[in-house]
Each structure stands twice: as C-alpha cells, then as structure tokens.
Protein backbone atom coordinates (compact mmCIF):
# COMPACT_ATOMS: atom_id res chain seq x y z
CA MET A 1 67.04 -2.99 -16.88
CA ALA A 2 67.49 -6.77 -16.55
CA SER A 3 63.89 -7.05 -15.38
CA LEU A 4 62.70 -5.07 -18.42
CA ARG A 5 64.76 -7.24 -20.79
CA GLN A 6 63.25 -10.38 -19.27
CA THR A 7 59.75 -8.90 -19.52
CA VAL A 8 60.02 -8.02 -23.22
CA LEU A 9 61.43 -11.46 -23.97
CA ILE A 10 58.42 -13.10 -22.25
CA VAL A 11 56.04 -10.80 -24.14
CA ALA A 12 57.78 -11.64 -27.44
CA ALA A 13 57.33 -15.37 -26.77
CA LEU A 14 53.63 -14.92 -25.89
CA ASN A 15 53.06 -12.95 -29.10
CA LEU A 16 54.87 -15.46 -31.30
CA ALA A 17 52.88 -18.35 -29.86
CA TYR A 18 49.53 -16.64 -30.35
CA PHE A 19 50.46 -15.46 -33.85
CA GLY A 20 50.46 -19.10 -34.96
CA VAL A 21 47.11 -19.80 -33.31
CA GLU A 22 45.41 -16.72 -34.73
CA PHE A 23 46.90 -17.00 -38.22
CA VAL A 24 45.60 -20.55 -38.69
CA ALA A 25 42.22 -19.60 -37.20
CA ALA A 26 41.96 -16.51 -39.44
CA LEU A 27 42.55 -18.57 -42.57
CA ARG A 28 40.00 -21.18 -41.52
CA ALA A 29 37.39 -18.60 -40.48
CA GLY A 30 37.96 -16.29 -43.47
CA SER A 31 38.28 -13.27 -41.15
CA VAL A 32 39.91 -10.01 -42.23
CA SER A 33 40.20 -8.69 -38.67
CA LEU A 34 41.71 -11.93 -37.32
CA LEU A 35 44.27 -12.00 -40.14
CA ALA A 36 45.19 -8.36 -39.52
CA ASP A 37 45.44 -9.09 -35.80
CA SER A 38 47.62 -12.16 -36.40
CA ALA A 39 50.01 -9.96 -38.40
CA ASP A 40 49.96 -7.64 -35.42
CA PHE A 41 51.04 -10.49 -33.12
CA LEU A 42 53.99 -11.15 -35.43
CA GLU A 43 54.83 -7.44 -35.45
CA ASP A 44 54.66 -7.42 -31.63
CA THR A 45 57.09 -10.33 -31.54
CA ALA A 46 59.54 -8.33 -33.68
CA VAL A 47 59.05 -5.16 -31.62
CA ASN A 48 59.70 -6.88 -28.31
CA THR A 49 62.68 -8.82 -29.69
CA LEU A 50 64.21 -5.58 -30.99
CA ILE A 51 63.60 -3.91 -27.65
CA PHE A 52 65.34 -6.81 -25.88
CA LEU A 53 68.40 -6.29 -28.08
CA ALA A 54 68.32 -2.48 -28.10
CA LEU A 55 68.18 -2.03 -24.32
CA ALA A 56 71.92 -2.70 -24.20
CA TRP A 57 72.63 0.09 -26.69
CA THR A 58 73.29 3.84 -26.32
CA ALA A 59 70.48 6.41 -26.13
CA THR A 60 71.18 7.53 -29.72
CA ARG A 61 70.95 4.01 -31.05
CA ARG A 62 67.80 3.29 -29.00
CA ALA A 63 66.16 6.39 -30.51
CA ALA A 64 67.00 5.07 -33.99
CA VAL A 65 65.46 1.71 -33.09
CA GLY A 66 62.39 3.60 -31.84
CA LYS A 67 61.92 4.96 -35.34
CA VAL A 68 62.22 1.46 -36.81
CA LEU A 69 59.62 0.27 -34.31
CA ALA A 70 57.29 3.07 -35.40
CA ALA A 71 57.56 1.75 -38.95
CA LEU A 72 56.88 -1.81 -37.75
CA LEU A 73 53.63 -0.62 -36.19
CA LEU A 74 52.42 0.02 -39.76
CA ILE A 75 52.61 -3.68 -40.72
CA PRO A 76 49.10 -4.58 -39.48
CA ALA A 77 47.65 -1.71 -41.51
CA LEU A 78 49.28 -3.11 -44.64
CA ALA A 79 48.05 -6.62 -43.79
CA PHE A 80 44.55 -5.22 -43.43
CA VAL A 81 44.61 -3.64 -46.90
CA TRP A 82 45.74 -6.93 -48.42
CA THR A 83 43.07 -8.98 -46.65
CA LEU A 84 40.38 -6.35 -47.31
CA VAL A 85 40.90 -6.64 -51.06
CA ALA A 86 40.68 -10.44 -50.81
CA LYS A 87 37.50 -10.22 -48.68
CA LEU A 88 35.80 -7.81 -51.10
CA MET A 89 36.60 -10.14 -54.00
CA ASN A 90 35.09 -13.09 -52.07
CA PRO A 91 32.44 -11.52 -49.78
CA LEU A 92 31.58 -14.47 -47.52
CA PRO A 93 30.90 -13.72 -43.84
CA PRO A 94 33.70 -14.96 -41.60
CA GLY A 95 33.22 -17.72 -39.03
CA ALA A 96 31.59 -15.86 -36.13
CA THR A 97 32.35 -18.46 -33.47
CA ALA A 98 36.02 -18.61 -34.41
CA MET A 99 36.25 -14.81 -34.40
CA THR A 100 34.73 -14.60 -30.94
CA LEU A 101 36.74 -17.43 -29.34
CA VAL A 102 40.06 -16.51 -30.95
CA GLY A 103 39.40 -12.86 -30.09
CA LEU A 104 38.93 -13.86 -26.43
CA GLY A 105 42.23 -15.75 -26.47
CA ALA A 106 43.99 -12.81 -28.11
CA LEU A 107 42.51 -10.46 -25.50
CA ALA A 108 43.90 -12.64 -22.70
CA VAL A 109 47.38 -12.64 -24.29
CA ASN A 110 47.36 -8.87 -24.87
CA LEU A 111 46.07 -8.01 -21.39
CA THR A 112 48.83 -10.19 -19.94
CA ALA A 113 51.43 -8.45 -22.12
CA ALA A 114 50.10 -4.98 -21.23
CA ALA A 115 50.15 -5.82 -17.51
CA LEU A 116 53.73 -7.09 -17.74
CA LEU A 117 54.85 -4.00 -19.68
CA ASP A 118 52.89 -1.42 -17.67
CA ARG A 119 55.41 -1.24 -14.85
CA HIS A 120 58.19 -0.51 -17.37
CA ARG A 121 56.45 1.77 -19.86
CA GLN A 122 58.29 4.93 -18.76
CA ALA A 123 61.66 3.19 -18.32
CA GLU A 124 63.27 3.48 -21.75
CA GLY A 125 61.25 6.06 -23.66
CA SER A 126 60.09 5.13 -27.14
CA LEU A 127 61.14 1.50 -26.83
CA THR A 128 58.94 0.53 -23.93
CA ARG A 129 56.27 2.98 -25.02
CA ALA A 130 56.08 1.14 -28.35
CA ALA A 131 55.68 -2.22 -26.63
CA PHE A 132 53.09 -0.99 -24.13
CA LEU A 133 51.04 0.94 -26.71
CA SER A 134 51.07 -2.03 -29.01
CA ALA A 135 49.76 -4.40 -26.31
CA ARG A 136 47.17 -1.87 -25.12
CA ASN A 137 45.91 -1.14 -28.63
CA ASP A 138 45.78 -4.83 -29.38
CA ALA A 139 43.54 -5.43 -26.34
CA PHE A 140 41.11 -2.79 -27.66
CA ALA A 141 41.26 -4.39 -31.10
CA ASN A 142 40.48 -7.79 -29.57
CA ILE A 143 37.36 -6.39 -27.92
CA GLY A 144 36.32 -5.17 -31.36
CA ILE A 145 36.97 -8.59 -32.89
CA ILE A 146 34.87 -10.26 -30.19
CA ALA A 147 32.04 -7.77 -30.80
CA ALA A 148 32.29 -8.27 -34.58
CA GLY A 149 32.09 -12.03 -34.06
CA LEU A 150 28.95 -11.66 -31.94
CA VAL A 151 27.31 -9.29 -34.44
CA THR A 152 28.25 -11.57 -37.34
CA ALA A 153 26.70 -14.53 -35.50
CA ALA A 154 23.42 -12.64 -35.23
CA TYR A 155 23.54 -10.92 -38.64
CA PRO A 156 25.88 -12.73 -41.06
CA SER A 157 27.81 -10.07 -42.99
CA ILE A 158 31.37 -9.15 -43.95
CA TRP A 159 31.00 -5.59 -42.67
CA PRO A 160 31.51 -5.98 -38.90
CA ASP A 161 34.80 -7.77 -39.66
CA ILE A 162 35.85 -5.06 -42.12
CA VAL A 163 34.93 -2.19 -39.76
CA VAL A 164 36.99 -3.72 -36.95
CA GLY A 165 39.87 -4.26 -39.36
CA LEU A 166 39.72 -0.54 -40.25
CA LEU A 167 39.79 0.39 -36.57
CA ILE A 168 42.80 -1.87 -35.96
CA ALA A 169 44.63 -0.20 -38.84
CA ALA A 170 43.78 3.30 -37.54
CA MET A 171 44.99 2.47 -34.01
CA ASN A 172 48.28 1.19 -35.37
CA LEU A 173 48.78 4.34 -37.45
CA ASP A 174 48.20 6.49 -34.35
CA ALA A 175 50.60 4.40 -32.23
CA ALA A 176 53.23 4.57 -34.98
CA GLN A 177 53.01 8.37 -35.00
CA GLU A 178 53.31 8.58 -31.20
CA VAL A 179 56.34 6.27 -31.08
CA TRP A 180 57.99 8.15 -33.98
CA GLU A 181 57.56 11.46 -32.14
CA ALA A 182 58.97 10.01 -28.90
CA ALA A 183 61.96 8.56 -30.77
CA HIS A 184 62.54 11.91 -32.50
CA ASP A 185 62.52 13.69 -29.12
CA GLU A 186 64.93 11.11 -27.70
CA ALA A 187 67.32 11.50 -30.62
CA LYS A 188 67.25 15.28 -30.19
CA ALA A 189 67.90 14.97 -26.43
CA ALA A 190 70.82 12.57 -27.06
CA ARG A 191 72.43 15.07 -29.44
CA ASP A 192 72.08 17.99 -26.99
C-alpha cells in the first residue's frame, strides 16, 4: 500500500505540473480540446490526491470516495461545454502547432502516469481503477488532440478541435459510470 500511495502522489504532481503548461497553451492557442484536457489534468491531480488520502481509510469510506471520484471525472465534460460555447461564438481555428506539440507533451505525461498506475490498478478497487482509467483515457484523448492539430494545420477549421473535445467528454462520462459502478459494488460488499 505504501508503494501505491507513493505512486499516486507522483502521478498527482505530474498532472498538476502539466495542467499549468496546457492551460496557458490552450488560452494562447484558442483550443477547445486543449482547454478541456487541461481541466482534465487538474481533475487528475484531485483524483490522485484523494486516492493518496483515502488509501488509509476503511473499505466503506474508500467506496464513498470512489463515488466522489466518479463525479470528478465529469469535470472535463463540463469544461468542454463551457469552451465549446465560447469557440462557437468566436469561430477562429486554434493554433495547430501548439495543439500538436502540447498534445505530444500531454501524451508523454499520461503514458507515464498510466504505466506507473498499471501495476496497482487492481489493488484498491474503484480508487485505483479511477486513476488508471483517467490516465489511459487521457492518453487516447491526447492522440486525438495531436491528430486534430495536424488536420487543423492542413485544413484550418474549428471542427477537428471540437470533435476531439466531444470525444474527450464522452470518454470521461464512460469512465465516470464505470468508477461509480465499481464504488457501488464495493460499498455493497463492505456492508455484507
């Protein structure tokens, strides 16, 4: 358990550091998908910090935290809706180079986090599942951001950015449902 606590603390620090990088880049590039992904890095920081704290708690309390984490996985979807409205009101194509380069950096951070968490993903049920799924989904989202940046470079448009933002939101909704179900099962098992 000490190894898992150390791992989630390292992953939280990685996510917090890259949140700052991606948030600034998203604002400068005018990218919906980068802004949604930066919110996701902040959400991942909170998830991993909560996991670090919750690992010392009882199974019943960990299951309750799992449900909170499921709700936190919805934050990037809300960030996407907010940025989508802003993008539609000011439909300028985002900076393609920034999207691609920042997406590559985000991919490196998320692959590192997923690799660190992979060996622990079955250890504490919904808690580590939430952290692993979040990192894995983020890596897929980063591939989408990179692709959207490349397409936008060739064909300047807001739509590749928006489509990837929609996919990021959908992946986070799916992960939230899976973590909620795991937490519900854990709470039921703790009561029995």
